[in-house]
Amino acid sequence: MDTEQLLTVSPEDMAKALLARRQLLKQQLPTVIRTLEAEEQKLAPKAKKALESNKIINTKVSELKDKRNNAQKKANELLKIVKESKENLMQADGMINLDPLWKKEKLFEEIEDIEKKIETSALDHKAERKLLDRRKKLIETNDKWLKERRESNPEMVTYINARREMNSLYRDADKSHRNMLDGVEKAQPQHEKQMNIRNELKEIRRQLDRAKELLSQSDKGINHWERRLEKGFGELDGGFSDLLEAQKRVSQGGDSSFARKKKSKVVKKKTPINIPKEEEE
């Protein structure tokens, strides 16, 4: 309906239309509320289950992270001990005759480099897995070396045992790290699913609250427009203002409510100028 058509509508017709709308809403809202309540009851358990599943995954990831950190911490402590033992053996020439390549070995440096990258670099899962694979190969090589050295030099038993334990701890750390990465990848779609269900349930509850609010106001709205149709649209007792006030003002050449609001906004935007009293006089 355009403006000209709207102006031809009488107050009585407008009131009847509003009354009919209120009556129709009163009839339809109970069905709408029952439908929304059924959707809420159906979705609420799914939301609860999704939340619990997400918590289980996050808890498992957190436990794996703690396990990885503990194993890496112990392995790093052993790494320091093994490095000191290595230096002592080198100074005593304990390995030179048995292994001329001893001084060229870069195993510790490579392990430390991998550890530093894991702890400090912002890597994606693919890059992290590559580092774990690299450390796995280093440890396998080291195990083979340890076996050969242990058999050829009994004096290195203490050193070799410490180094073997270090390798075992790094393996445990890497295994936990891999499982943690798997958990993180699994948690992402589960988290998105949980958020989608939560948002859907939130929207249903918002609509349900609104429908209940409208239903609670239905009788008041119906009574209001029935009274207007019976007693008119002017000012009534009980705090009912004159609904035709703006129409009367416009018919007498005044501004509409829309025009008055627009002018009010323009006046507020202008910067006020303070004029001294004597100049004003």
Protein backbone atom coordinates (compact mmCIF):
# COMPACT_ATOMS: atom_id res chain seq x y z
CA MET A 1 0.00 0.00 0.00
CA ASP A 2 1.45 3.36 -1.06
CA THR A 3 1.14 6.65 0.83
CA GLU A 4 -1.99 7.88 -0.96
CA GLN A 5 -3.80 4.60 -0.37
CA LEU A 6 -2.73 4.61 3.25
CA LEU A 7 -4.16 8.10 3.75
CA THR A 8 -7.56 6.92 2.53
CA VAL A 9 -7.79 4.31 5.25
CA SER A 10 -10.12 5.45 8.03
CA PRO A 11 -9.17 5.09 11.71
CA GLU A 12 -11.99 2.59 12.10
CA ASP A 13 -10.68 0.39 9.29
CA MET A 14 -7.16 0.60 10.67
CA ALA A 15 -8.36 -0.32 14.17
CA LYS A 16 -10.40 -3.23 12.80
CA ALA A 17 -7.36 -4.53 10.90
CA LEU A 18 -5.17 -4.28 13.99
CA LEU A 19 -7.84 -5.96 16.10
CA ALA A 20 -8.17 -8.79 13.56
CA ARG A 21 -4.40 -9.25 13.57
CA ARG A 22 -4.33 -9.45 17.37
CA GLN A 23 -7.16 -11.99 17.37
CA LEU A 24 -5.46 -14.07 14.69
CA LEU A 25 -2.20 -14.06 16.63
CA LYS A 26 -4.01 -15.22 19.74
CA GLN A 27 -5.39 -18.16 17.78
CA GLN A 28 -2.11 -19.08 16.07
CA LEU A 29 0.46 -18.44 18.80
CA PRO A 30 -0.39 -21.52 20.95
CA THR A 31 0.35 -23.76 17.95
CA VAL A 32 3.56 -21.84 17.23
CA ILE A 33 4.62 -22.18 20.87
CA ARG A 34 3.93 -25.92 20.94
CA THR A 35 5.96 -26.38 17.73
CA LEU A 36 8.90 -24.40 19.10
CA GLU A 37 8.76 -26.26 22.42
CA ALA A 38 8.85 -29.59 20.55
CA GLU A 39 11.88 -28.40 18.54
CA GLU A 40 13.58 -27.27 21.74
CA GLN A 41 12.96 -30.62 23.46
CA LYS A 42 14.30 -32.46 20.42
CA LEU A 43 17.41 -30.31 20.05
CA ALA A 44 18.36 -29.83 23.73
CA PRO A 45 19.67 -33.41 24.22
CA LYS A 46 21.70 -33.11 21.00
CA ALA A 47 23.24 -29.88 22.24
CA LYS A 48 24.09 -31.50 25.58
CA LYS A 49 25.59 -34.56 23.90
CA ALA A 50 27.66 -32.41 21.50
CA LEU A 51 28.96 -30.35 24.43
CA GLU A 52 29.92 -33.45 26.40
CA SER A 53 31.66 -35.00 23.36
CA ASN A 54 33.60 -31.78 22.83
CA LYS A 55 34.65 -31.73 26.49
CA ILE A 56 35.83 -35.37 26.31
CA ILE A 57 37.96 -34.67 23.25
CA ASN A 58 39.43 -31.50 24.78
CA THR A 59 40.17 -33.31 28.03
CA LYS A 60 41.95 -36.10 26.16
CA VAL A 61 43.98 -33.59 24.14
CA SER A 62 44.91 -31.78 27.36
CA GLU A 63 46.01 -35.05 28.99
CA LEU A 64 48.11 -35.99 25.95
CA LYS A 65 49.69 -32.54 25.99
CA ASP A 66 50.63 -32.93 29.67
CA LYS A 67 52.03 -36.40 28.99
CA ARG A 68 54.05 -35.08 26.07
CA ASN A 69 55.37 -32.14 28.08
CA ASN A 70 56.38 -34.34 31.02
CA ALA A 71 58.20 -36.82 28.78
CA GLN A 72 59.96 -34.06 26.87
CA LYS A 73 60.99 -32.34 30.09
CA LYS A 74 62.57 -35.52 31.46
CA ALA A 75 64.21 -36.29 28.12
CA ASN A 76 65.65 -32.77 27.93
CA GLU A 77 67.09 -33.16 31.44
CA LEU A 78 68.72 -36.43 30.43
CA LEU A 79 70.00 -34.79 27.26
CA LYS A 80 72.05 -32.39 29.37
CA ILE A 81 73.48 -35.25 31.42
CA VAL A 82 74.32 -37.26 28.32
CA LYS A 83 76.03 -34.28 26.69
CA GLU A 84 78.19 -33.75 29.79
CA SER A 85 79.07 -37.43 29.84
CA LYS A 86 79.97 -37.26 26.18
CA GLU A 87 82.33 -34.35 26.81
CA ASN A 88 84.01 -36.26 29.64
CA LEU A 89 84.52 -39.29 27.44
CA MET A 90 85.89 -37.16 24.64
CA GLN A 91 88.37 -35.48 26.94
CA ALA A 92 89.51 -38.89 28.20
CA ASP A 93 89.74 -40.18 24.62
CA GLY A 94 87.40 -42.95 25.68
CA MET A 95 85.84 -43.27 22.24
CA ILE A 96 88.42 -42.07 19.77
CA ASN A 97 89.91 -45.48 19.04
CA LEU A 98 86.54 -47.16 18.86
CA ASP A 99 84.79 -44.51 16.83
CA PRO A 100 86.83 -41.89 14.91
CA LEU A 101 83.59 -40.18 13.86
CA TRP A 102 82.62 -39.49 17.49
CA LYS A 103 83.57 -35.82 17.42
CA LYS A 104 81.64 -35.28 14.19
CA GLU A 105 78.40 -36.64 15.56
CA LYS A 106 75.60 -34.02 15.36
CA LEU A 107 72.81 -36.07 16.92
CA PHE A 108 72.39 -33.91 20.02
CA GLU A 109 72.42 -30.71 18.05
CA GLU A 110 69.74 -32.04 15.68
CA ILE A 111 67.56 -33.24 18.54
CA GLU A 112 67.85 -29.87 20.26
CA ASP A 113 67.06 -28.08 17.00
CA ILE A 114 63.90 -30.17 16.53
CA GLU A 115 62.86 -29.59 20.13
CA LYS A 116 63.34 -25.84 19.77
CA LYS A 117 61.23 -25.72 16.61
CA ILE A 118 58.42 -27.75 18.21
CA GLU A 119 58.33 -25.48 21.26
CA THR A 120 58.79 -22.05 19.68
CA SER A 121 57.63 -22.17 16.06
CA ALA A 122 54.03 -21.65 14.96
CA LEU A 123 53.81 -24.75 12.79
CA ASP A 124 50.83 -26.42 11.19
CA HIS A 125 50.09 -30.08 11.84
CA LYS A 126 51.81 -31.23 8.66
CA ALA A 127 55.07 -29.48 9.57
CA GLU A 128 54.93 -30.81 13.12
CA ARG A 129 54.49 -34.37 11.85
CA LYS A 130 57.56 -33.96 9.61
CA LEU A 131 59.64 -32.90 12.61
CA LEU A 132 58.41 -35.89 14.60
CA ASP A 133 59.31 -38.23 11.72
CA ARG A 134 62.77 -36.68 11.56
CA ARG A 135 63.34 -37.17 15.29
CA LYS A 136 62.10 -40.77 15.01
CA LYS A 137 64.77 -41.57 12.38
CA LEU A 138 67.46 -39.92 14.52
CA ILE A 139 66.48 -41.99 17.53
CA GLU A 140 66.45 -45.21 15.49
CA THR A 141 69.95 -44.43 14.25
CA ASN A 142 71.02 -43.64 17.79
CA ASP A 143 69.67 -46.94 19.10
CA LYS A 144 71.73 -48.84 16.58
CA TRP A 145 74.82 -46.84 17.55
CA LEU A 146 74.18 -47.48 21.25
CA LYS A 147 73.94 -51.21 20.72
CA GLU A 148 77.27 -51.29 18.90
CA ARG A 149 79.03 -49.08 21.46
CA ARG A 150 77.67 -51.03 24.44
CA GLU A 151 79.02 -54.28 23.06
CA SER A 152 82.45 -52.84 22.26
CA ASN A 153 83.04 -50.69 25.35
CA PRO A 154 81.64 -51.75 28.77
CA GLU A 155 82.88 -48.50 30.33
CA MET A 156 80.14 -46.69 28.52
CA VAL A 157 77.29 -48.67 30.15
CA THR A 158 76.13 -45.81 32.37
CA TYR A 159 76.28 -43.33 29.52
CA ILE A 160 74.51 -45.68 27.14
CA ASN A 161 71.73 -46.46 29.65
CA ALA A 162 71.04 -42.76 30.18
CA ARG A 163 71.01 -42.16 26.47
CA ARG A 164 68.69 -45.11 25.88
CA GLU A 165 66.25 -43.79 28.51
CA MET A 166 66.37 -40.38 26.84
CA ASN A 167 65.43 -41.96 23.52
CA SER A 168 62.55 -43.84 25.15
CA LEU A 169 61.23 -40.63 26.67
CA TYR A 170 61.41 -38.82 23.34
CA ARG A 171 59.48 -41.68 21.76
CA ASP A 172 56.77 -41.38 24.40
CA ALA A 173 56.66 -37.62 23.88
CA ASP A 174 56.39 -38.00 20.11
CA LYS A 175 53.66 -40.62 20.40
CA SER A 176 51.64 -38.37 22.71
CA HIS A 177 52.26 -35.44 20.37
CA ARG A 178 50.97 -37.37 17.36
CA ASN A 179 47.89 -38.51 19.26
CA MET A 180 47.36 -34.95 20.44
CA LEU A 181 47.46 -33.68 16.84
CA ASP A 182 44.92 -36.34 15.87
CA GLY A 183 42.70 -35.19 18.73
CA VAL A 184 42.97 -31.54 17.71
CA GLU A 185 42.01 -32.40 14.13
CA LYS A 186 39.08 -34.46 15.38
CA ALA A 187 37.99 -31.73 17.79
CA GLN A 188 37.65 -29.03 15.13
CA PRO A 189 34.61 -30.45 13.27
CA GLN A 190 33.11 -31.54 16.60
CA HIS A 191 33.48 -28.01 17.94
CA GLU A 192 31.83 -26.57 14.81
CA LYS A 193 28.98 -29.06 15.15
CA GLN A 194 28.50 -28.11 18.78
CA MET A 195 28.46 -24.38 17.95
CA ASN A 196 25.90 -24.89 15.15
CA ILE A 197 23.56 -26.85 17.43
CA ARG A 198 24.01 -24.32 20.24
CA ASN A 199 23.21 -21.38 17.93
CA GLU A 200 20.18 -23.17 16.50
CA LEU A 201 18.89 -23.91 20.00
CA LYS A 202 19.53 -20.31 21.05
CA GLU A 203 17.48 -19.02 18.09
CA ILE A 204 14.60 -21.41 18.85
CA ARG A 205 14.51 -20.26 22.47
CA ARG A 206 14.58 -16.62 21.38
CA GLN A 207 11.59 -17.20 19.09
CA LEU A 208 9.83 -19.14 21.85
CA ASP A 209 10.29 -16.33 24.37
CA ARG A 210 9.00 -13.81 21.83
CA ALA A 211 5.95 -15.95 21.00
CA LYS A 212 5.09 -16.34 24.69
CA GLU A 213 5.50 -12.59 25.21
CA LEU A 214 3.16 -11.83 22.29
CA LEU A 215 0.58 -14.30 23.60
CA SER A 216 0.69 -12.72 27.06
CA GLN A 217 0.00 -9.32 25.44
CA SER A 218 -2.77 -10.55 23.13
CA ASP A 219 -5.69 -9.95 25.47
CA LYS A 220 -4.42 -6.50 26.37
CA GLY A 221 -4.08 -5.58 22.68
CA ILE A 222 -7.50 -6.98 21.81
CA ASN A 223 -9.15 -5.10 24.69
CA HIS A 224 -7.36 -1.91 23.64
CA TRP A 225 -8.64 -1.92 20.05
CA GLU A 226 -12.13 -3.09 21.05
CA ARG A 227 -12.33 -0.12 23.40
CA ARG A 228 -11.09 2.25 20.69
CA LEU A 229 -13.70 1.00 18.24
CA GLU A 230 -16.34 1.45 20.91
CA LYS A 231 -15.31 4.80 22.44
CA GLY A 232 -13.31 6.48 19.69
CA PHE A 233 -9.73 7.47 19.02
CA GLY A 234 -9.44 10.65 21.00
CA GLU A 235 -8.08 11.03 24.52
CA LEU A 236 -9.66 8.61 26.97
CA ASP A 237 -9.40 8.17 30.72
CA GLY A 238 -6.88 5.73 32.09
CA GLY A 239 -3.93 7.32 30.28
CA PHE A 240 -5.09 6.70 26.68
CA SER A 241 -3.76 9.55 24.54
CA ASP A 242 -5.36 11.08 21.45
CA LEU A 243 -4.42 8.84 18.50
CA LEU A 244 -5.58 11.45 15.98
CA GLU A 245 -3.46 14.29 17.35
CA ALA A 246 -0.87 14.08 14.58
CA GLN A 247 -3.57 13.81 11.90
CA LYS A 248 -5.27 16.95 13.18
CA ARG A 249 -1.99 18.85 13.23
CA VAL A 250 -1.16 17.90 9.64
CA SER A 251 -4.68 18.76 8.43
CA GLN A 252 -4.21 22.23 9.95
CA GLY A 253 -0.94 22.72 8.05
CA GLY A 254 1.47 21.53 10.69
CA ASP A 255 4.36 19.10 10.36
CA SER A 256 3.92 15.36 10.55
CA SER A 257 5.57 13.38 13.33
CA PHE A 258 8.24 12.25 10.88
CA ALA A 259 9.02 15.84 9.80
CA ARG A 260 9.17 17.05 13.40
CA LYS A 261 11.64 14.30 14.34
CA LYS A 262 13.77 15.15 11.33
CA LYS A 263 13.88 18.83 12.29
CA SER A 264 14.71 17.90 15.88
CA LYS A 265 17.73 15.91 14.72
CA VAL A 266 18.95 18.83 12.57
CA VAL A 267 18.69 21.23 15.52
CA LYS A 268 20.64 18.88 17.78
CA LYS A 269 23.47 18.62 15.26
CA LYS A 270 23.95 22.43 15.14
CA THR A 271 26.58 23.89 17.47
CA PRO A 272 24.92 26.15 20.07
CA ILE A 273 26.15 29.78 20.20
CA ASN A 274 26.18 31.54 23.56
CA ILE A 275 25.27 35.24 23.16
CA PRO A 276 26.20 37.61 26.03
CA LYS A 277 23.10 38.92 27.79
CA GLU A 278 23.88 42.58 27.12
CA GLU A 279 24.31 41.95 23.38
CA GLU A 280 21.07 40.00 23.32
CA GLU A 281 19.27 42.95 24.87
